[in-house]
């Protein structure tokens, strides 16, 4: 989803999309930090989705923080944008580049504490 702002309603829509895309018989896990739009208990709305809420002030536990850092370093830092559409296009290009390499995604988004096979 590409949106100009984030709030509880947008977060709920995102979770609904994740839930719909989760194959039957599978279960999705969403990691949330303490952002203001993560405070509501969305988990009760879904049978195939669980939410792990991270402790406050612990960005090192949230894999998406490394993703944003990578996108900034490789695509978005030290640039001028001509307007909103330029920003959206650049962020979408950066995201698509990031997810084009599944090994990179797995490496950056995996955490040993998340391994359920231990």
C-alpha atoms as a PDB file:
ATOM      1  CA  UNK A   1       0.000   0.000   0.000  1.00  0.00           C
ATOM      2  CA  UNK A   2       1.211   3.458  -0.839  1.00  0.00           C
ATOM      3  CA  UNK A   3      -0.594   6.137   1.149  1.00  0.00           C
ATOM      4  CA  UNK A   4       0.176   9.773   1.963  1.00  0.00           C
ATOM      5  CA  UNK A   5      -0.416   9.224   5.701  1.00  0.00           C
ATOM      6  CA  UNK A   6      -0.822   6.399   8.194  1.00  0.00           C
ATOM      7  CA  UNK A   7      -3.481   5.980  10.851  1.00  0.00           C
ATOM      8  CA  UNK A   8      -5.453   3.182  12.527  1.00  0.00           C
ATOM      9  CA  UNK A   9      -7.837   2.791   9.591  1.00  0.00           C
ATOM     10  CA  UNK A  10      -4.971   2.459   7.095  1.00  0.00           C
ATOM     11  CA  UNK A  11      -3.256  -0.071   9.383  1.00  0.00           C
ATOM     12  CA  UNK A  12      -6.469  -2.095   9.624  1.00  0.00           C
ATOM     13  CA  UNK A  13      -6.792  -2.062   5.810  1.00  0.00           C
ATOM     14  CA  UNK A  14      -3.178  -3.274   5.528  1.00  0.00           C
ATOM     15  CA  UNK A  15      -3.849  -6.120   7.962  1.00  0.00           C
ATOM     16  CA  UNK A  16      -6.993  -7.069   6.044  1.00  0.00           C
ATOM     17  CA  UNK A  17      -4.924  -7.290   2.858  1.00  0.00           C
ATOM     18  CA  UNK A  18      -2.303  -9.457   4.574  1.00  0.00           C
ATOM     19  CA  UNK A  19      -5.040 -11.695   5.958  1.00  0.00           C
ATOM     20  CA  UNK A  20      -6.685 -12.088   2.538  1.00  0.00           C
ATOM     21  CA  UNK A  21      -3.337 -12.945   0.880  1.00  0.00           C
ATOM     22  CA  UNK A  22      -2.399 -15.513   3.537  1.00  0.00           C
ATOM     23  CA  UNK A  23      -3.057 -18.968   2.031  1.00  0.00           C
ATOM     24  CA  UNK A  24      -5.656 -21.198   3.668  1.00  0.00           C
ATOM     25  CA  UNK A  25      -4.013 -23.325   6.312  1.00  0.00           C
ATOM     26  CA  UNK A  26      -1.207 -20.802   6.901  1.00  0.00           C
ATOM     27  CA  UNK A  27      -0.844 -18.177   9.623  1.00  0.00           C
ATOM     28  CA  UNK A  28       0.760 -14.737   9.231  1.00  0.00           C
ATOM     29  CA  UNK A  29       2.704 -12.975  11.964  1.00  0.00           C
ATOM     30  CA  UNK A  30       2.984  -9.180  11.967  1.00  0.00           C
ATOM     31  CA  UNK A  31       5.610  -7.408  14.057  1.00  0.00           C
ATOM     32  CA  UNK A  32       4.543  -4.001  15.350  1.00  0.00           C
ATOM     33  CA  UNK A  33       6.481  -1.358  17.171  1.00  0.00           C
ATOM     34  CA  UNK A  34       4.993   1.368  19.325  1.00  0.00           C
ATOM     35  CA  UNK A  35       3.803   3.662  16.531  1.00  0.00           C
ATOM     36  CA  UNK A  36       0.630   5.534  17.412  1.00  0.00           C
ATOM     37  CA  UNK A  37      -1.450   3.649  14.860  1.00  0.00           C
ATOM     38  CA  UNK A  38      -0.307   0.280  16.302  1.00  0.00           C
ATOM     39  CA  UNK A  39      -1.930   0.769  19.696  1.00  0.00           C
ATOM     40  CA  UNK A  40      -5.332  -0.707  18.964  1.00  0.00           C
ATOM     41  CA  UNK A  41      -5.846  -4.439  19.409  1.00  0.00           C
ATOM     42  CA  UNK A  42      -6.338  -5.414  15.752  1.00  0.00           C
ATOM     43  CA  UNK A  43      -5.477  -9.049  16.344  1.00  0.00           C
ATOM     44  CA  UNK A  44      -8.988  -9.966  17.452  1.00  0.00           C
ATOM     45  CA  UNK A  45     -10.259  -9.173  13.946  1.00  0.00           C
ATOM     46  CA  UNK A  46      -8.368 -12.053  12.271  1.00  0.00           C
ATOM     47  CA  UNK A  47      -8.253 -15.833  12.617  1.00  0.00           C
ATOM     48  CA  UNK A  48      -5.167 -16.276  10.432  1.00  0.00           C
ATOM     49  CA  UNK A  49      -3.010 -13.448  11.728  1.00  0.00           C
ATOM     50  CA  UNK A  50      -1.108 -12.815  14.963  1.00  0.00           C
ATOM     51  CA  UNK A  51       0.608  -9.630  16.075  1.00  0.00           C
ATOM     52  CA  UNK A  52       3.840  -9.462  18.038  1.00  0.00           C
ATOM     53  CA  UNK A  53       4.172  -6.097  19.765  1.00  0.00           C
ATOM     54  CA  UNK A  54       7.763  -5.081  20.390  1.00  0.00           C
ATOM     55  CA  UNK A  55       8.846  -3.369  23.590  1.00  0.00           C
ATOM     56  CA  UNK A  56       9.200   0.421  23.455  1.00  0.00           C
ATOM     57  CA  UNK A  57      12.433   1.932  22.141  1.00  0.00           C
ATOM     58  CA  UNK A  58      13.709  -1.274  20.550  1.00  0.00           C
ATOM     59  CA  UNK A  59      14.156  -0.552  16.815  1.00  0.00           C
ATOM     60  CA  UNK A  60      16.902  -3.182  16.620  1.00  0.00           C
ATOM     61  CA  UNK A  61      14.226  -5.852  17.108  1.00  0.00           C
ATOM     62  CA  UNK A  62      12.107  -4.621  14.208  1.00  0.00           C
ATOM     63  CA  UNK A  63      13.359  -5.968  10.848  1.00  0.00           C
ATOM     64  CA  UNK A  64      11.612  -3.232   8.874  1.00  0.00           C
ATOM     65  CA  UNK A  65      13.961  -0.654  10.391  1.00  0.00           C
ATOM     66  CA  UNK A  66      16.866  -2.289   8.530  1.00  0.00           C
ATOM     67  CA  UNK A  67      14.798  -2.331   5.351  1.00  0.00           C
ATOM     68  CA  UNK A  68      14.105   1.418   5.583  1.00  0.00           C
ATOM     69  CA  UNK A  69      17.805   2.013   6.269  1.00  0.00           C
ATOM     70  CA  UNK A  70      18.807  -0.040   3.222  1.00  0.00           C
ATOM     71  CA  UNK A  71      16.304   1.802   1.015  1.00  0.00           C
ATOM     72  CA  UNK A  72      17.600   5.170   2.192  1.00  0.00           C
ATOM     73  CA  UNK A  73      21.243   4.188   1.702  1.00  0.00           C
ATOM     74  CA  UNK A  74      20.780   2.654  -1.740  1.00  0.00           C
ATOM     75  CA  UNK A  75      17.967   4.669  -3.305  1.00  0.00           C
ATOM     76  CA  UNK A  76      16.546   7.595  -1.385  1.00  0.00           C
ATOM     77  CA  UNK A  77      19.244   9.537   0.499  1.00  0.00           C
ATOM     78  CA  UNK A  78      20.716  12.800  -0.766  1.00  0.00           C
ATOM     79  CA  UNK A  79      18.118  13.314  -3.471  1.00  0.00           C
ATOM     80  CA  UNK A  80      15.796  16.092  -4.425  1.00  0.00           C
ATOM     81  CA  UNK A  81      12.255  15.267  -5.417  1.00  0.00           C
ATOM     82  CA  UNK A  82      10.117  17.358  -7.742  1.00  0.00           C
ATOM     83  CA  UNK A  83       6.916  16.680  -5.818  1.00  0.00           C
ATOM     84  CA  UNK A  84       4.688  14.068  -4.241  1.00  0.00           C
ATOM     85  CA  UNK A  85       4.524  11.838  -7.332  1.00  0.00           C
ATOM     86  CA  UNK A  86       8.308  11.836  -7.581  1.00  0.00           C
ATOM     87  CA  UNK A  87       8.575  10.739  -3.944  1.00  0.00           C
ATOM     88  CA  UNK A  88       5.982   7.966  -4.391  1.00  0.00           C
ATOM     89  CA  UNK A  89       7.637   6.711  -7.592  1.00  0.00           C
ATOM     90  CA  UNK A  90      11.093   6.713  -5.990  1.00  0.00           C
ATOM     91  CA  UNK A  91       9.910   4.881  -2.880  1.00  0.00           C
ATOM     92  CA  UNK A  92       8.034   2.303  -4.995  1.00  0.00           C
ATOM     93  CA  UNK A  93      11.128   1.788  -7.172  1.00  0.00           C
ATOM     94  CA  UNK A  94      13.286   1.376  -4.053  1.00  0.00           C
ATOM     95  CA  UNK A  95      10.836  -1.126  -2.536  1.00  0.00           C
ATOM     96  CA  UNK A  96      10.563  -3.126  -5.767  1.00  0.00           C
ATOM     97  CA  UNK A  97      14.344  -3.246  -6.008  1.00  0.00           C
ATOM     98  CA  UNK A  98      14.593  -4.424  -2.405  1.00  0.00           C
ATOM     99  CA  UNK A  99      12.068  -7.253  -2.803  1.00  0.00           C
ATOM    100  CA  UNK A 100      13.522  -8.357  -6.159  1.00  0.00           C
ATOM    101  CA  UNK A 101      16.241 -10.275  -4.300  1.00  0.00           C
ATOM    102  CA  UNK A 102      14.618 -12.879  -2.050  1.00  0.00           C
ATOM    103  CA  UNK A 103      17.942 -13.747  -0.398  1.00  0.00           C
ATOM    104  CA  UNK A 104      18.373 -10.109   0.637  1.00  0.00           C
ATOM    105  CA  UNK A 105      14.839  -9.987   2.043  1.00  0.00           C
ATOM    106  CA  UNK A 106      15.338 -13.191   4.027  1.00  0.00           C
ATOM    107  CA  UNK A 107      18.725 -12.088   5.356  1.00  0.00           C
ATOM    108  CA  UNK A 108      17.569  -8.624   6.424  1.00  0.00           C
ATOM    109  CA  UNK A 109      14.175  -9.630   7.773  1.00  0.00           C
ATOM    110  CA  UNK A 110      15.089 -12.803   9.652  1.00  0.00           C
ATOM    111  CA  UNK A 111      15.901 -12.820  13.349  1.00  0.00           C
ATOM    112  CA  UNK A 112      17.123 -15.818  15.322  1.00  0.00           C
ATOM    113  CA  UNK A 113      14.566 -15.087  18.050  1.00  0.00           C
ATOM    114  CA  UNK A 114      11.781 -15.497  15.477  1.00  0.00           C
ATOM    115  CA  UNK A 115      12.814 -19.029  14.468  1.00  0.00           C
ATOM    116  CA  UNK A 116      10.012 -21.372  15.504  1.00  0.00           C
ATOM    117  CA  UNK A 117      12.125 -24.480  14.818  1.00  0.00           C
ATOM    118  CA  UNK A 118      14.447 -23.990  17.798  1.00  0.00           C
END
